[in-house]
C-alpha atoms as a PDB file:
ATOM      1  CA  MET A   1       0.000   0.000   0.000  1.00  0.00           C
ATOM      2  CA  SER A   2       1.354   3.395  -0.990  1.00  0.00           C
ATOM      3  CA  GLY A   3       0.437   6.893   0.087  1.00  0.00           C
ATOM      4  CA  LYS A   4      -1.982   7.410   2.958  1.00  0.00           C
ATOM      5  CA  ILE A   5      -4.586   4.931   4.180  1.00  0.00           C
ATOM      6  CA  ALA A   6      -8.162   6.240   4.209  1.00  0.00           C
ATOM      7  CA  LEU A   7     -11.599   4.963   5.146  1.00  0.00           C
ATOM      8  CA  VAL A   8     -14.575   6.615   3.455  1.00  0.00           C
ATOM      9  CA  THR A   9     -18.003   5.470   4.625  1.00  0.00           C
ATOM     10  CA  GLY A  10     -20.822   5.619   2.129  1.00  0.00           C
ATOM     11  CA  GLY A  11     -18.126   5.419  -0.510  1.00  0.00           C
ATOM     12  CA  SER A  12     -20.009   3.567  -3.234  1.00  0.00           C
ATOM     13  CA  ARG A  13     -21.977   6.554  -4.553  1.00  0.00           C
ATOM     14  CA  GLY A  14     -22.433  10.302  -4.519  1.00  0.00           C
ATOM     15  CA  ILE A  15     -20.091  12.482  -2.505  1.00  0.00           C
ATOM     16  CA  GLY A  16     -18.397   9.528  -0.825  1.00  0.00           C
ATOM     17  CA  ARG A  17     -17.586   7.988  -4.172  1.00  0.00           C
ATOM     18  CA  ALA A  18     -16.147  11.262  -5.479  1.00  0.00           C
ATOM     19  CA  ILE A  19     -13.947  11.639  -2.396  1.00  0.00           C
ATOM     20  CA  ALA A  20     -12.712   8.051  -2.625  1.00  0.00           C
ATOM     21  CA  LEU A  21     -11.777   8.396  -6.283  1.00  0.00           C
ATOM     22  CA  ARG A  22     -10.111  11.771  -5.707  1.00  0.00           C
ATOM     23  CA  LEU A  23      -7.908  10.263  -2.998  1.00  0.00           C
ATOM     24  CA  ALA A  24      -7.157   7.161  -5.074  1.00  0.00           C
ATOM     25  CA  GLU A  25      -6.153   9.305  -8.045  1.00  0.00           C
ATOM     26  CA  ALA A  26      -3.659  11.050  -5.758  1.00  0.00           C
ATOM     27  CA  GLY A  27      -2.015   7.705  -4.970  1.00  0.00           C
ATOM     28  CA  HIS A  28      -3.650   6.829  -1.664  1.00  0.00           C
ATOM     29  CA  THR A  29      -5.243   3.552  -0.590  1.00  0.00           C
ATOM     30  CA  VAL A  30      -8.940   3.966   0.154  1.00  0.00           C
ATOM     31  CA  TYR A  31     -11.251   1.561   1.924  1.00  0.00           C
ATOM     32  CA  ILE A  32     -14.854   2.352   1.042  1.00  0.00           C
ATOM     33  CA  GLY A  33     -17.570   1.322   3.451  1.00  0.00           C
ATOM     34  CA  TYR A  34     -20.868   0.371   1.866  1.00  0.00           C
ATOM     35  CA  LYS A  35     -23.974  -1.468   3.042  1.00  0.00           C
ATOM     36  CA  GLN A  36     -25.300  -3.664   0.233  1.00  0.00           C
ATOM     37  CA  ASN A  37     -24.753  -2.327  -3.288  1.00  0.00           C
ATOM     38  CA  HIS A  38     -21.965  -4.687  -4.324  1.00  0.00           C
ATOM     39  CA  ALA A  39     -22.102  -3.641  -7.965  1.00  0.00           C
ATOM     40  CA  ALA A  40     -21.655   0.046  -7.172  1.00  0.00           C
ATOM     41  CA  ALA A  41     -18.776  -0.680  -4.795  1.00  0.00           C
ATOM     42  CA  ALA A  42     -17.086  -2.882  -7.393  1.00  0.00           C
ATOM     43  CA  GLU A  43     -17.441  -0.139  -9.990  1.00  0.00           C
ATOM     44  CA  VAL A  44     -15.729   2.391  -7.713  1.00  0.00           C
ATOM     45  CA  ALA A  45     -12.969  -0.124  -7.029  1.00  0.00           C
ATOM     46  CA  ALA A  46     -12.449  -0.633 -10.758  1.00  0.00           C
ATOM     47  CA  GLN A  47     -12.319   3.101 -11.399  1.00  0.00           C
ATOM     48  CA  GLY A  48      -9.875   3.490  -8.523  1.00  0.00           C
ATOM     49  CA  GLY A  49      -7.267   1.460 -10.343  1.00  0.00           C
ATOM     50  CA  GLY A  50      -6.710  -1.032  -7.557  1.00  0.00           C
ATOM     51  CA  ARG A  51      -6.357   1.617  -4.853  1.00  0.00           C
ATOM     52  CA  VAL A  52      -9.995   1.393  -3.744  1.00  0.00           C
ATOM     53  CA  ILE A  53     -10.933  -1.540  -1.508  1.00  0.00           C
ATOM     54  CA  PRO A  54     -14.643  -2.249  -0.916  1.00  0.00           C
ATOM     55  CA  CYS A  55     -15.507  -3.058   2.680  1.00  0.00           C
ATOM     56  CA  GLN A  56     -19.093  -4.071   3.344  1.00  0.00           C
ATOM     57  CA  ALA A  57     -20.510  -3.022   6.701  1.00  0.00           C
ATOM     58  CA  ASP A  58     -23.870  -2.038   8.110  1.00  0.00           C
ATOM     59  CA  LEU A  59     -22.997   1.029  10.166  1.00  0.00           C
ATOM     60  CA  GLU A  60     -26.095   0.532  12.319  1.00  0.00           C
ATOM     61  CA  ASP A  61     -24.481  -2.671  13.624  1.00  0.00           C
ATOM     62  CA  PRO A  62     -21.630  -1.971  16.094  1.00  0.00           C
ATOM     63  CA  ALA A  63     -20.171  -5.430  15.470  1.00  0.00           C
ATOM     64  CA  ALA A  64     -19.964  -4.718  11.732  1.00  0.00           C
ATOM     65  CA  VAL A  65     -18.233  -1.391  12.387  1.00  0.00           C
ATOM     66  CA  ALA A  66     -15.736  -3.110  14.671  1.00  0.00           C
ATOM     67  CA  ALA A  67     -15.095  -5.806  12.051  1.00  0.00           C
ATOM     68  CA  MET A  68     -14.452  -3.187   9.365  1.00  0.00           C
ATOM     69  CA  CYS A  69     -11.908  -1.406  11.535  1.00  0.00           C
ATOM     70  CA  ALA A  70     -10.316  -4.710  12.504  1.00  0.00           C
ATOM     71  CA  ARG A  71      -9.910  -5.566   8.836  1.00  0.00           C
ATOM     72  CA  ILE A  72      -8.111  -2.282   8.191  1.00  0.00           C
ATOM     73  CA  ARG A  73      -5.862  -2.909  11.175  1.00  0.00           C
ATOM     74  CA  ALA A  74      -5.025  -6.409   9.918  1.00  0.00           C
ATOM     75  CA  GLU A  75      -4.440  -5.449   6.287  1.00  0.00           C
ATOM     76  CA  ALA A  76      -2.991  -1.942   6.512  1.00  0.00           C
ATOM     77  CA  GLY A  77      -1.763  -1.762  10.095  1.00  0.00           C
ATOM     78  CA  ALA A  78      -2.710   1.900  10.387  1.00  0.00           C
ATOM     79  CA  LEU A  79      -5.144   4.574   9.252  1.00  0.00           C
ATOM     80  CA  ASP A  80      -4.434   8.167   8.287  1.00  0.00           C
ATOM     81  CA  TRP A  81      -7.841   9.517   7.316  1.00  0.00           C
ATOM     82  CA  LEU A  82     -11.400   8.785   8.379  1.00  0.00           C
ATOM     83  CA  VAL A  83     -14.153  10.319   6.245  1.00  0.00           C
ATOM     84  CA  ALA A  84     -17.590   9.835   7.835  1.00  0.00           C
ATOM     85  CA  ASN A  85     -19.999  10.349   4.966  1.00  0.00           C
ATOM     86  CA  ALA A  86     -22.774   7.733   5.262  1.00  0.00           C
ATOM     87  CA  ALA A  87     -26.232   8.910   6.287  1.00  0.00           C
ATOM     88  CA  ALA A  88     -29.877   7.935   5.855  1.00  0.00           C
ATOM     89  CA  THR A  89     -33.234   8.880   7.287  1.00  0.00           C
ATOM     90  CA  ALA A  90     -36.961   8.768   6.663  1.00  0.00           C
ATOM     91  CA  PHE A  91     -37.956  11.907   4.792  1.00  0.00           C
ATOM     92  CA  LYS A  92     -41.109  12.927   6.650  1.00  0.00           C
ATOM     93  CA  PRO A  93     -42.490  15.958   8.479  1.00  0.00           C
ATOM     94  CA  THR A  94     -40.596  16.181  11.749  1.00  0.00           C
ATOM     95  CA  LEU A  95     -43.530  15.337  14.026  1.00  0.00           C
ATOM     96  CA  ASP A  96     -44.361  12.302  11.886  1.00  0.00           C
ATOM     97  CA  GLN A  97     -40.990  10.704  12.665  1.00  0.00           C
ATOM     98  CA  GLN A  98     -41.438   7.550  14.731  1.00  0.00           C
ATOM     99  CA  PRO A  99     -39.069   6.280  17.431  1.00  0.00           C
ATOM    100  CA  HIS A 100     -37.525   3.711  15.075  1.00  0.00           C
ATOM    101  CA  ASN A 101     -36.851   6.464  12.495  1.00  0.00           C
ATOM    102  CA  ILE A 102     -35.113   8.537  15.143  1.00  0.00           C
ATOM    103  CA  ARG A 103     -33.029   5.625  16.398  1.00  0.00           C
ATOM    104  CA  ARG A 104     -31.961   4.619  12.883  1.00  0.00           C
ATOM    105  CA  THR A 105     -31.049   8.146  11.796  1.00  0.00           C
ATOM    106  CA  PHE A 106     -28.899   8.807  14.848  1.00  0.00           C
ATOM    107  CA  ALA A 107     -27.443   5.296  14.910  1.00  0.00           C
ATOM    108  CA  LEU A 108     -26.203   5.659  11.355  1.00  0.00           C
ATOM    109  CA  SER A 109     -24.946   9.233  11.607  1.00  0.00           C
ATOM    110  CA  VAL A 110     -23.963   9.866  15.222  1.00  0.00           C
ATOM    111  CA  ASP A 111     -23.484   6.519  16.958  1.00  0.00           C
ATOM    112  CA  SER A 112     -21.469   4.999  14.136  1.00  0.00           C
ATOM    113  CA  PHE A 113     -19.311   8.110  13.829  1.00  0.00           C
ATOM    114  CA  LEU A 114     -18.344   7.977  17.491  1.00  0.00           C
ATOM    115  CA  GLN A 115     -17.512   4.281  17.221  1.00  0.00           C
ATOM    116  CA  LEU A 116     -15.510   4.835  14.035  1.00  0.00           C
ATOM    117  CA  ALA A 117     -13.587   7.661  15.668  1.00  0.00           C
ATOM    118  CA  ARG A 118     -12.963   5.618  18.810  1.00  0.00           C
ATOM    119  CA  GLU A 119     -11.572   2.707  16.802  1.00  0.00           C
ATOM    120  CA  SER A 120      -9.695   4.849  14.274  1.00  0.00           C
ATOM    121  CA  VAL A 121      -7.770   7.076  16.674  1.00  0.00           C
ATOM    122  CA  PRO A 122      -5.462   4.281  17.896  1.00  0.00           C
ATOM    123  CA  LEU A 123      -4.642   3.490  14.253  1.00  0.00           C
ATOM    124  CA  MET A 124      -3.684   7.134  13.680  1.00  0.00           C
ATOM    125  CA  GLN A 125      -1.187   7.429  16.521  1.00  0.00           C
ATOM    126  CA  GLY A 126       2.006   9.123  15.356  1.00  0.00           C
ATOM    127  CA  ARG A 127       0.675   9.591  11.813  1.00  0.00           C
ATOM    128  CA  GLN A 128      -0.766  13.154  11.868  1.00  0.00           C
ATOM    129  CA  GLY A 129      -4.214  11.792  11.144  1.00  0.00           C
ATOM    130  CA  SER A 130      -7.376  13.584  10.104  1.00  0.00           C
ATOM    131  CA  ILE A 131     -11.065  12.957  10.684  1.00  0.00           C
ATOM    132  CA  LEU A 132     -13.547  14.533   8.296  1.00  0.00           C
ATOM    133  CA  VAL A 133     -17.330  14.572   8.665  1.00  0.00           C
ATOM    134  CA  LEU A 134     -19.827  15.275   5.892  1.00  0.00           C
ATOM    135  CA  SER A 135     -22.553  17.436   7.372  1.00  0.00           C
ATOM    136  CA  GLY A 136     -25.315  19.019   5.306  1.00  0.00           C
ATOM    137  CA  TYR A 137     -27.243  22.137   4.438  1.00  0.00           C
ATOM    138  CA  ASP A 138     -30.139  20.853   6.551  1.00  0.00           C
ATOM    139  CA  SER A 139     -28.044  21.379   9.698  1.00  0.00           C
ATOM    140  CA  ILE A 140     -28.216  25.165   9.324  1.00  0.00           C
ATOM    141  CA  ARG A 141     -31.213  25.853   7.069  1.00  0.00           C
ATOM    142  CA  TYR A 142     -34.734  24.548   6.771  1.00  0.00           C
ATOM    143  CA  VAL A 143     -35.056  21.850   4.122  1.00  0.00           C
ATOM    144  CA  PRO A 144     -38.475  20.206   3.664  1.00  0.00           C
ATOM    145  CA  LEU A 145     -38.707  16.747   5.270  1.00  0.00           C
ATOM    146  CA  HIS A 146     -35.119  16.979   6.570  1.00  0.00           C
ATOM    147  CA  GLY A 147     -35.800  17.964  10.179  1.00  0.00           C
ATOM    148  CA  LEU A 148     -34.517  14.727  11.690  1.00  0.00           C
ATOM    149  CA  LEU A 149     -31.491  14.368   9.437  1.00  0.00           C
ATOM    150  CA  GLY A 150     -30.631  18.029  10.001  1.00  0.00           C
ATOM    151  CA  ALA A 151     -30.684  17.429  13.761  1.00  0.00           C
ATOM    152  CA  ALA A 152     -28.302  14.485  13.373  1.00  0.00           C
ATOM    153  CA  LYS A 153     -25.965  16.526  11.188  1.00  0.00           C
ATOM    154  CA  ALA A 154     -26.005  19.389  13.694  1.00  0.00           C
ATOM    155  CA  ALA A 155     -25.036  16.897  16.393  1.00  0.00           C
ATOM    156  CA  LEU A 156     -22.114  15.774  14.257  1.00  0.00           C
ATOM    157  CA  GLU A 157     -20.895  19.349  13.891  1.00  0.00           C
ATOM    158  CA  SER A 158     -20.955  19.711  17.673  1.00  0.00           C
ATOM    159  CA  LEU A 159     -18.955  16.498  18.051  1.00  0.00           C
ATOM    160  CA  VAL A 160     -16.429  17.806  15.538  1.00  0.00           C
ATOM    161  CA  ARG A 161     -15.723  20.788  17.782  1.00  0.00           C
ATOM    162  CA  SER A 162     -15.337  18.653  20.902  1.00  0.00           C
ATOM    163  CA  LEU A 163     -13.167  16.003  19.277  1.00  0.00           C
ATOM    164  CA  ALA A 164     -10.959  18.638  17.655  1.00  0.00           C
ATOM    165  CA  VAL A 165      -9.961  19.897  21.099  1.00  0.00           C
ATOM    166  CA  GLU A 166      -9.658  16.457  22.661  1.00  0.00           C
ATOM    167  CA  LEU A 167      -7.511  15.038  19.845  1.00  0.00           C
ATOM    168  CA  ALA A 168      -5.361  18.072  19.063  1.00  0.00           C
ATOM    169  CA  ARG A 169      -2.448  16.983  21.253  1.00  0.00           C
ATOM    170  CA  ALA A 170      -2.476  13.630  19.491  1.00  0.00           C
ATOM    171  CA  GLY A 171      -1.841  15.446  16.211  1.00  0.00           C
ATOM    172  CA  ILE A 172      -5.267  14.589  14.784  1.00  0.00           C
ATOM    173  CA  THR A 173      -7.386  17.238  13.093  1.00  0.00           C
ATOM    174  CA  VAL A 174     -11.178  17.014  13.039  1.00  0.00           C
ATOM    175  CA  ASN A 175     -13.260  19.048  10.603  1.00  0.00           C
ATOM    176  CA  ALA A 176     -16.560  18.968   8.745  1.00  0.00           C
ATOM    177  CA  ILE A 177     -17.833  20.024   5.360  1.00  0.00           C
ATOM    178  CA  CYS A 178     -21.368  21.395   5.142  1.00  0.00           C
ATOM    179  CA  PRO A 179     -22.307  21.219   1.456  1.00  0.00           C
ATOM    180  CA  GLY A 180     -25.159  23.177   0.006  1.00  0.00           C
ATOM    181  CA  PRO A 181     -27.429  21.403  -2.483  1.00  0.00           C
ATOM    182  CA  VAL A 182     -25.400  18.871  -4.473  1.00  0.00           C
ATOM    183  CA  GLU A 183     -26.644  16.930  -7.475  1.00  0.00           C
ATOM    184  CA  THR A 184     -26.428  13.239  -6.619  1.00  0.00           C
ATOM    185  CA  ASP A 185     -28.417  10.149  -7.498  1.00  0.00           C
ATOM    186  CA  SER A 186     -30.128  10.365  -4.109  1.00  0.00           C
ATOM    187  CA  VAL A 187     -31.213  13.960  -4.638  1.00  0.00           C
ATOM    188  CA  ARG A 188     -32.498  13.236  -8.126  1.00  0.00           C
ATOM    189  CA  PHE A 189     -34.420  10.226  -6.815  1.00  0.00           C
ATOM    190  CA  MET A 190     -35.949  12.214  -3.957  1.00  0.00           C
ATOM    191  CA  CYS A 191     -37.050  15.028  -6.266  1.00  0.00           C
ATOM    192  CA  GLY A 192     -38.226  12.696  -9.019  1.00  0.00           C
ATOM    193  CA  ASP A 193     -39.563  14.364 -12.131  1.00  0.00           C
ATOM    194  CA  ALA A 194     -39.389  17.739 -10.384  1.00  0.00           C
ATOM    195  CA  TRP A 195     -35.575  17.699 -10.250  1.00  0.00           C
ATOM    196  CA  PRO A 196     -34.984  19.888 -13.352  1.00  0.00           C
ATOM    197  CA  GLN A 197     -37.241  22.590 -11.919  1.00  0.00           C
ATOM    198  CA  VAL A 198     -35.691  22.289  -8.457  1.00  0.00           C
ATOM    199  CA  ALA A 199     -32.176  22.435  -9.898  1.00  0.00           C
ATOM    200  CA  ALA A 200     -33.041  25.498 -11.966  1.00  0.00           C
ATOM    201  CA  ALA A 201     -34.491  27.281  -8.920  1.00  0.00           C
ATOM    202  CA  LEU A 202     -31.425  26.442  -6.821  1.00  0.00           C
ATOM    203  CA  ALA A 203     -29.064  27.613  -9.548  1.00  0.00           C
ATOM    204  CA  GLU A 204     -30.985  30.875  -9.825  1.00  0.00           C
ATOM    205  CA  ALA A 205     -30.794  31.400  -6.039  1.00  0.00           C
ATOM    206  CA  THR A 206     -27.082  30.568  -5.790  1.00  0.00           C
ATOM    207  CA  PRO A 207     -24.592  33.378  -6.476  1.00  0.00           C
ATOM    208  CA  ALA A 208     -22.330  30.934  -8.326  1.00  0.00           C
ATOM    209  CA  GLY A 209     -25.222  30.209 -10.688  1.00  0.00           C
ATOM    210  CA  ARG A 210     -25.315  26.430 -10.459  1.00  0.00           C
ATOM    211  CA  VAL A 211     -25.915  23.455  -8.198  1.00  0.00           C
ATOM    212  CA  GLY A 212     -22.932  21.803  -6.547  1.00  0.00           C
ATOM    213  CA  THR A 213     -21.378  18.546  -7.735  1.00  0.00           C
ATOM    214  CA  PRO A 214     -19.787  15.691  -5.772  1.00  0.00           C
ATOM    215  CA  GLY A 215     -16.477  16.728  -7.307  1.00  0.00           C
ATOM    216  CA  ASP A 216     -16.777  20.185  -5.747  1.00  0.00           C
ATOM    217  CA  VAL A 217     -16.999  18.598  -2.312  1.00  0.00           C
ATOM    218  CA  ALA A 218     -14.262  16.058  -3.040  1.00  0.00           C
ATOM    219  CA  GLY A 219     -11.793  18.832  -3.812  1.00  0.00           C
ATOM    220  CA  ILE A 220     -12.466  20.492  -0.457  1.00  0.00           C
ATOM    221  CA  ALA A 221     -12.177  17.138   1.310  1.00  0.00           C
ATOM    222  CA  ALA A 222      -8.792  16.480  -0.294  1.00  0.00           C
ATOM    223  CA  PHE A 223      -7.577  19.861   0.937  1.00  0.00           C
ATOM    224  CA  LEU A 224      -8.841  19.378   4.495  1.00  0.00           C
ATOM    225  CA  LEU A 225      -7.180  15.971   4.704  1.00  0.00           C
ATOM    226  CA  GLY A 226      -3.918  17.196   3.202  1.00  0.00           C
ATOM    227  CA  PRO A 227      -0.816  18.784   4.741  1.00  0.00           C
ATOM    228  CA  ASP A 228      -1.795  22.369   3.921  1.00  0.00           C
ATOM    229  CA  ALA A 229      -4.805  22.159   6.264  1.00  0.00           C
ATOM    230  CA  ARG A 230      -2.993  20.986   9.398  1.00  0.00           C
ATOM    231  CA  TRP A 231      -3.700  24.307  11.167  1.00  0.00           C
ATOM    232  CA  LEU A 232      -7.448  23.921  10.587  1.00  0.00           C
ATOM    233  CA  THR A 233      -9.336  21.936  13.185  1.00  0.00           C
ATOM    234  CA  GLY A 234     -12.796  22.023  14.727  1.00  0.00           C
ATOM    235  CA  GLN A 235     -14.185  23.864  11.721  1.00  0.00           C
ATOM    236  CA  THR A 236     -17.287  23.299   9.626  1.00  0.00           C
ATOM    237  CA  ILE A 237     -16.638  24.569   6.122  1.00  0.00           C
ATOM    238  CA  ILE A 238     -19.795  25.698   4.310  1.00  0.00           C
ATOM    239  CA  ALA A 239     -19.463  24.855   0.618  1.00  0.00           C
ATOM    240  CA  ASP A 240     -22.520  26.131  -1.230  1.00  0.00           C
ATOM    241  CA  GLY A 241     -21.493  28.555  -3.954  1.00  0.00           C
ATOM    242  CA  GLY A 242     -22.580  31.431  -1.711  1.00  0.00           C
ATOM    243  CA  LEU A 243     -26.192  30.291  -1.233  1.00  0.00           C
ATOM    244  CA  THR A 244     -26.276  30.810   2.537  1.00  0.00           C
ATOM    245  CA  LEU A 245     -24.929  34.350   2.093  1.00  0.00           C
ATOM    246  CA  VAL A 246     -28.087  35.437   0.321  1.00  0.00           C
ATOM    247  CA  SER A 247     -30.775  33.049   1.606  1.00  0.00           C
ATOM    248  CA  GLY A 248     -33.008  33.564   4.595  1.00  0.00           C
ATOM    249  CA  PRO A 249     -34.095  31.028   7.234  1.00  0.00           C
ATOM    250  CA  GLY A 250     -36.486  29.369   4.748  1.00  0.00           C
ATOM    251  CA  ALA A 251     -33.725  28.699   2.259  1.00  0.00           C
ATOM    252  CA  LEU A 252     -35.648  26.475  -0.120  1.00  0.00           C
END
């Protein structure tokens, strides 16, 4: 294995996939966590030129998370970068969310992140490691049907600040990216036939004049993980083409 060793959860599609391929193209070895889409994970591995290693794990299952980290320890012996990207929820009005929806959303986003961090930090000792969290626009702005996921993402941003202080003396940086609207398969699926109209409205509202892409976020991730960002820690970087600078509380 050459370069750095990275783990990117939710790495088989969307933003996670773009980050994994960006790191692989730079010569790093990237484990991608994924739940069940074997074909998508295999496709990313093929595009990664042998530097991307699929690693199936259900992040809602603590034993599966532990097994994934144990595999990295056994095969790579260390870890330089953890990118916590995976997330899921039930897209419903906030008061319609049921206890099982709440448990699943927080288990996948918050609980698994803390376990991943707890198991990754020992693998980063002496390696100037970095932990990066993918937050979301719903953590700071109202997005229809995103109340629960936004709450989980806001919790992650709070954990980023705490962990940044607690891990600073160990030489580990902890940061988050908060992307604005990004065109992914998930977003297109959620919007359905309305996506072209939604995308046009978002582009019109955004000073940069377009919707974000997974590649936009991957470039920022590569910077935050790299040596030029070692003095940045505990920060949530808003990456939205300027949308939050001109939008009010009801952003969408």
